[in-house]
Amino acid sequence: MTTSQNLAGKSSLPPSRSEADETLRAILVDTLALDPKAVAEFDGDTGLFGHLPELDSMAVATLLTEIEDRYGFHIDDDDVDAEMLETYGALFAFIEAKLVTG
């Protein structure tokens, strides 16, 4: 499976942690036009919103829409806050929780 494919229709099981991580990295590269080598180096503490100039308030909507599309879940407005977008780890934890709870 390539990272540009949608994980939603793959099976009733959530993607593995490594598949979910690979997909999030691909989303960041695709939506923010970030260097794939730089994104590959992101760890849980890598700052996102407020740290990456490419991730401004307009890009957040695009990023969240792409996350919904590729993972196959809905993000409610109430789910979105600055903490969730603060670091790569926080965003990935949010995605993992949504994959489990739907």
N, C-alpha and C. Protein backbone atom coordinates (compact mmCIF):
# COMPACT_ATOMS: atom_id res chain seq x y z
N MET A 1 0.84 -1.18 0.00
CA MET A 1 0.00 0.00 0.00
C MET A 1 0.88 1.24 0.00
N THR A 2 0.56 2.19 -0.85
CA THR A 2 1.32 3.43 -0.85
C THR A 2 0.72 4.40 0.15
N THR A 3 1.52 5.38 0.53
CA THR A 3 1.05 6.31 1.54
C THR A 3 -0.02 7.24 1.03
N SER A 4 -0.18 7.35 -0.28
CA SER A 4 -1.21 8.24 -0.81
C SER A 4 -2.57 7.57 -0.86
N GLN A 5 -2.63 6.27 -0.59
CA GLN A 5 -3.91 5.59 -0.61
C GLN A 5 -4.68 5.86 0.67
N ASN A 6 -5.99 5.73 0.54
CA ASN A 6 -6.88 5.91 1.68
C ASN A 6 -6.84 4.66 2.54
N LEU A 7 -6.66 4.83 3.83
CA LEU A 7 -6.65 3.71 4.75
C LEU A 7 -8.05 3.25 5.12
N ALA A 8 -9.05 4.08 4.83
CA ALA A 8 -10.41 3.83 5.31
C ALA A 8 -11.00 2.53 4.80
N GLY A 9 -10.90 2.26 3.52
CA GLY A 9 -11.57 1.10 2.97
C GLY A 9 -10.77 -0.18 3.02
N LYS A 10 -9.64 -0.19 3.63
CA LYS A 10 -8.74 -1.33 3.62
C LYS A 10 -9.34 -2.54 4.34
N SER A 11 -9.82 -2.38 5.53
CA SER A 11 -10.45 -3.46 6.28
C SER A 11 -11.17 -2.85 7.47
N SER A 12 -11.83 -3.71 8.24
CA SER A 12 -12.52 -3.21 9.43
C SER A 12 -11.54 -2.95 10.57
N LEU A 13 -10.34 -3.46 10.46
CA LEU A 13 -9.32 -3.22 11.48
C LEU A 13 -8.64 -1.89 11.22
N PRO A 14 -8.28 -1.18 12.28
CA PRO A 14 -7.53 0.06 12.08
C PRO A 14 -6.14 -0.28 11.51
N PRO A 15 -5.53 0.69 10.84
CA PRO A 15 -4.19 0.44 10.30
C PRO A 15 -3.20 0.22 11.44
N SER A 16 -2.10 -0.43 11.12
CA SER A 16 -1.06 -0.61 12.13
C SER A 16 -0.51 0.76 12.51
N ARG A 17 0.20 0.78 13.61
CA ARG A 17 0.79 2.05 14.07
C ARG A 17 1.77 2.59 13.02
N SER A 18 2.56 1.71 12.42
CA SER A 18 3.52 2.17 11.41
C SER A 18 2.81 2.66 10.15
N GLU A 19 1.71 2.01 9.75
CA GLU A 19 0.94 2.49 8.59
C GLU A 19 0.33 3.86 8.87
N ALA A 20 -0.21 4.02 10.08
CA ALA A 20 -0.82 5.29 10.46
C ALA A 20 0.23 6.39 10.50
N ASP A 21 1.40 6.08 11.01
CA ASP A 21 2.49 7.05 11.07
C ASP A 21 2.95 7.43 9.66
N GLU A 22 3.12 6.43 8.81
CA GLU A 22 3.55 6.68 7.43
C GLU A 22 2.53 7.55 6.69
N THR A 23 1.26 7.30 6.95
CA THR A 23 0.21 8.08 6.30
C THR A 23 0.23 9.52 6.78
N LEU A 24 0.39 9.74 8.09
CA LEU A 24 0.43 11.11 8.60
C LEU A 24 1.62 11.86 8.02
N ARG A 25 2.74 11.22 7.93
CA ARG A 25 3.92 11.87 7.34
C ARG A 25 3.65 12.24 5.88
N ALA A 26 3.01 11.35 5.15
CA ALA A 26 2.68 11.63 3.75
C ALA A 26 1.70 12.79 3.64
N ILE A 27 0.75 12.85 4.54
CA ILE A 27 -0.22 13.95 4.55
C ILE A 27 0.50 15.28 4.77
N LEU A 28 1.42 15.31 5.72
CA LEU A 28 2.17 16.54 5.99
C LEU A 28 3.00 16.97 4.78
N VAL A 29 3.62 16.02 4.13
CA VAL A 29 4.40 16.32 2.93
C VAL A 29 3.49 16.84 1.82
N ASP A 30 2.39 16.15 1.59
CA ASP A 30 1.49 16.50 0.49
C ASP A 30 0.74 17.81 0.71
N THR A 31 0.23 18.02 1.91
CA THR A 31 -0.61 19.21 2.14
C THR A 31 0.20 20.47 2.43
N LEU A 32 1.38 20.30 3.03
CA LEU A 32 2.17 21.47 3.40
C LEU A 32 3.39 21.67 2.52
N ALA A 33 3.59 20.77 1.56
CA ALA A 33 4.74 20.83 0.65
C ALA A 33 6.06 20.84 1.43
N LEU A 34 6.11 20.00 2.46
CA LEU A 34 7.33 19.89 3.27
C LEU A 34 8.28 18.89 2.62
N ASP A 35 9.54 19.01 2.93
CA ASP A 35 10.56 18.09 2.44
C ASP A 35 10.36 16.72 3.09
N PRO A 36 10.18 15.67 2.28
CA PRO A 36 9.97 14.34 2.86
C PRO A 36 11.08 13.89 3.80
N LYS A 37 12.33 14.27 3.51
CA LYS A 37 13.44 13.89 4.39
C LYS A 37 13.31 14.57 5.75
N ALA A 38 12.88 15.82 5.75
CA ALA A 38 12.69 16.53 7.01
C ALA A 38 11.55 15.92 7.82
N VAL A 39 10.45 15.59 7.13
CA VAL A 39 9.30 15.00 7.82
C VAL A 39 9.64 13.61 8.36
N ALA A 40 10.48 12.88 7.68
CA ALA A 40 10.90 11.57 8.16
C ALA A 40 11.64 11.66 9.49
N GLU A 41 12.22 12.81 9.76
CA GLU A 41 12.96 13.03 11.00
C GLU A 41 12.08 13.51 12.16
N PHE A 42 10.81 13.82 11.89
CA PHE A 42 9.91 14.30 12.95
C PHE A 42 9.81 13.23 14.03
N ASP A 43 9.83 13.69 15.28
CA ASP A 43 9.55 12.80 16.40
C ASP A 43 8.37 13.37 17.18
N GLY A 44 8.05 12.75 18.28
CA GLY A 44 6.90 13.16 19.06
C GLY A 44 6.94 14.59 19.55
N ASP A 45 8.13 15.14 19.71
CA ASP A 45 8.28 16.50 20.23
C ASP A 45 8.43 17.57 19.14
N THR A 46 8.42 17.16 17.88
CA THR A 46 8.58 18.11 16.78
C THR A 46 7.38 19.06 16.76
N GLY A 47 7.66 20.35 16.84
CA GLY A 47 6.60 21.34 16.84
C GLY A 47 5.94 21.46 15.47
N LEU A 48 4.62 21.64 15.48
CA LEU A 48 3.87 21.82 14.24
C LEU A 48 3.30 23.24 14.20
N PHE A 49 2.07 23.41 14.65
CA PHE A 49 1.42 24.72 14.58
C PHE A 49 2.18 25.71 15.45
N GLY A 50 2.58 26.81 14.83
CA GLY A 50 3.38 27.81 15.53
C GLY A 50 4.87 27.59 15.35
N HIS A 51 5.24 26.44 14.80
CA HIS A 51 6.65 26.12 14.57
C HIS A 51 6.97 25.97 13.09
N LEU A 52 6.00 25.49 12.33
CA LEU A 52 6.17 25.34 10.89
C LEU A 52 5.45 26.49 10.19
N PRO A 53 6.17 27.35 9.48
CA PRO A 53 5.50 28.46 8.81
C PRO A 53 4.46 27.99 7.79
N GLU A 54 4.65 26.80 7.25
CA GLU A 54 3.70 26.27 6.27
C GLU A 54 2.36 25.91 6.90
N LEU A 55 2.35 25.65 8.20
CA LEU A 55 1.11 25.27 8.89
C LEU A 55 0.51 26.50 9.56
N ASP A 56 -0.13 27.31 8.72
CA ASP A 56 -0.83 28.48 9.24
C ASP A 56 -2.31 28.12 9.41
N SER A 57 -3.11 29.08 9.83
CA SER A 57 -4.52 28.79 10.11
C SER A 57 -5.28 28.32 8.87
N MET A 58 -4.90 28.80 7.70
CA MET A 58 -5.56 28.35 6.47
C MET A 58 -5.17 26.91 6.15
N ALA A 59 -3.93 26.55 6.38
CA ALA A 59 -3.45 25.20 6.08
C ALA A 59 -4.04 24.17 7.04
N VAL A 60 -4.42 24.59 8.24
CA VAL A 60 -5.00 23.66 9.20
C VAL A 60 -6.25 23.01 8.62
N ALA A 61 -7.12 23.77 8.00
CA ALA A 61 -8.35 23.22 7.42
C ALA A 61 -8.02 22.18 6.35
N THR A 62 -7.06 22.49 5.51
CA THR A 62 -6.66 21.55 4.47
C THR A 62 -6.07 20.29 5.08
N LEU A 63 -5.24 20.45 6.08
CA LEU A 63 -4.63 19.31 6.76
C LEU A 63 -5.69 18.41 7.39
N LEU A 64 -6.63 19.01 8.10
CA LEU A 64 -7.66 18.21 8.77
C LEU A 64 -8.56 17.50 7.77
N THR A 65 -8.89 18.16 6.68
CA THR A 65 -9.70 17.52 5.64
C THR A 65 -8.97 16.33 5.04
N GLU A 66 -7.70 16.49 4.79
CA GLU A 66 -6.90 15.39 4.23
C GLU A 66 -6.79 14.24 5.23
N ILE A 67 -6.66 14.55 6.51
CA ILE A 67 -6.63 13.50 7.54
C ILE A 67 -7.94 12.73 7.52
N GLU A 68 -9.05 13.44 7.48
CA GLU A 68 -10.36 12.79 7.42
C GLU A 68 -10.46 11.87 6.20
N ASP A 69 -10.04 12.38 5.05
CA ASP A 69 -10.14 11.61 3.81
C ASP A 69 -9.29 10.36 3.83
N ARG A 70 -8.07 10.49 4.27
CA ARG A 70 -7.14 9.34 4.19
C ARG A 70 -7.37 8.31 5.29
N TYR A 71 -7.81 8.76 6.47
CA TYR A 71 -8.04 7.80 7.55
C TYR A 71 -9.48 7.34 7.61
N GLY A 72 -10.38 8.07 6.98
CA GLY A 72 -11.77 7.64 6.93
C GLY A 72 -12.58 7.89 8.18
N PHE A 73 -12.25 8.92 8.94
CA PHE A 73 -13.07 9.29 10.09
C PHE A 73 -13.39 10.78 10.01
N HIS A 74 -14.35 11.20 10.82
CA HIS A 74 -14.77 12.60 10.85
C HIS A 74 -14.15 13.30 12.06
N ILE A 75 -13.69 14.52 11.84
CA ILE A 75 -13.15 15.33 12.92
C ILE A 75 -14.17 16.43 13.23
N ASP A 76 -14.71 16.40 14.43
CA ASP A 76 -15.65 17.43 14.87
C ASP A 76 -14.89 18.71 15.20
N ASP A 77 -15.55 19.84 15.02
CA ASP A 77 -14.94 21.12 15.36
C ASP A 77 -14.48 21.13 16.82
N ASP A 78 -15.23 20.47 17.70
CA ASP A 78 -14.89 20.42 19.12
C ASP A 78 -13.60 19.64 19.39
N ASP A 79 -13.20 18.78 18.43
CA ASP A 79 -11.98 17.99 18.59
C ASP A 79 -10.72 18.81 18.37
N VAL A 80 -10.86 19.91 17.66
CA VAL A 80 -9.70 20.68 17.22
C VAL A 80 -9.33 21.75 18.25
N ASP A 81 -8.08 21.67 18.70
CA ASP A 81 -7.57 22.70 19.60
C ASP A 81 -6.07 22.86 19.37
N ALA A 82 -5.51 23.87 19.96
CA ALA A 82 -4.09 24.16 19.76
C ALA A 82 -3.20 23.02 20.26
N GLU A 83 -3.60 22.38 21.35
CA GLU A 83 -2.81 21.28 21.91
C GLU A 83 -2.67 20.13 20.93
N MET A 84 -3.74 19.80 20.24
CA MET A 84 -3.75 18.70 19.29
C MET A 84 -2.78 18.94 18.14
N LEU A 85 -2.59 20.19 17.77
CA LEU A 85 -1.73 20.54 16.63
C LEU A 85 -0.35 21.04 17.06
N GLU A 86 -0.08 21.02 18.35
CA GLU A 86 1.17 21.58 18.86
C GLU A 86 2.41 20.80 18.42
N THR A 87 2.33 19.48 18.51
CA THR A 87 3.48 18.65 18.14
C THR A 87 3.03 17.49 17.26
N TYR A 88 4.02 16.89 16.60
CA TYR A 88 3.74 15.70 15.80
C TYR A 88 3.15 14.60 16.69
N GLY A 89 3.72 14.42 17.85
CA GLY A 89 3.24 13.40 18.77
C GLY A 89 1.80 13.61 19.20
N ALA A 90 1.43 14.85 19.46
CA ALA A 90 0.05 15.15 19.87
C ALA A 90 -0.92 14.88 18.72
N LEU A 91 -0.55 15.27 17.52
CA LEU A 91 -1.42 15.03 16.37
C LEU A 91 -1.53 13.53 16.11
N PHE A 92 -0.44 12.82 16.20
CA PHE A 92 -0.47 11.37 15.98
C PHE A 92 -1.30 10.68 17.05
N ALA A 93 -1.19 11.11 18.30
CA ALA A 93 -1.99 10.52 19.38
C ALA A 93 -3.48 10.76 19.13
N PHE A 94 -3.83 11.96 18.65
CA PHE A 94 -5.22 12.26 18.31
C PHE A 94 -5.72 11.28 17.24
N ILE A 95 -4.91 11.10 16.19
CA ILE A 95 -5.29 10.21 15.09
C ILE A 95 -5.45 8.77 15.59
N GLU A 96 -4.52 8.31 16.40
CA GLU A 96 -4.62 6.96 16.95
C GLU A 96 -5.91 6.77 17.74
N ALA A 97 -6.25 7.76 18.55
CA ALA A 97 -7.48 7.67 19.35
C ALA A 97 -8.71 7.64 18.44
N LYS A 98 -8.71 8.46 17.39
CA LYS A 98 -9.85 8.46 16.46
C LYS A 98 -9.95 7.14 15.70
N LEU A 99 -8.84 6.53 15.39
CA LEU A 99 -8.86 5.25 14.68
C LEU A 99 -9.47 4.15 15.55
N VAL A 100 -9.24 4.25 16.85
CA VAL A 100 -9.77 3.26 17.77
C VAL A 100 -11.26 3.49 18.03
N THR A 101 -11.63 4.76 18.22
CA THR A 101 -13.02 5.07 18.58
C THR A 101 -13.91 5.35 17.38
N GLY A 102 -13.29 5.61 16.22
CA GLY A 102 -14.07 5.90 15.02
C GLY A 102 -14.49 7.28 15.04
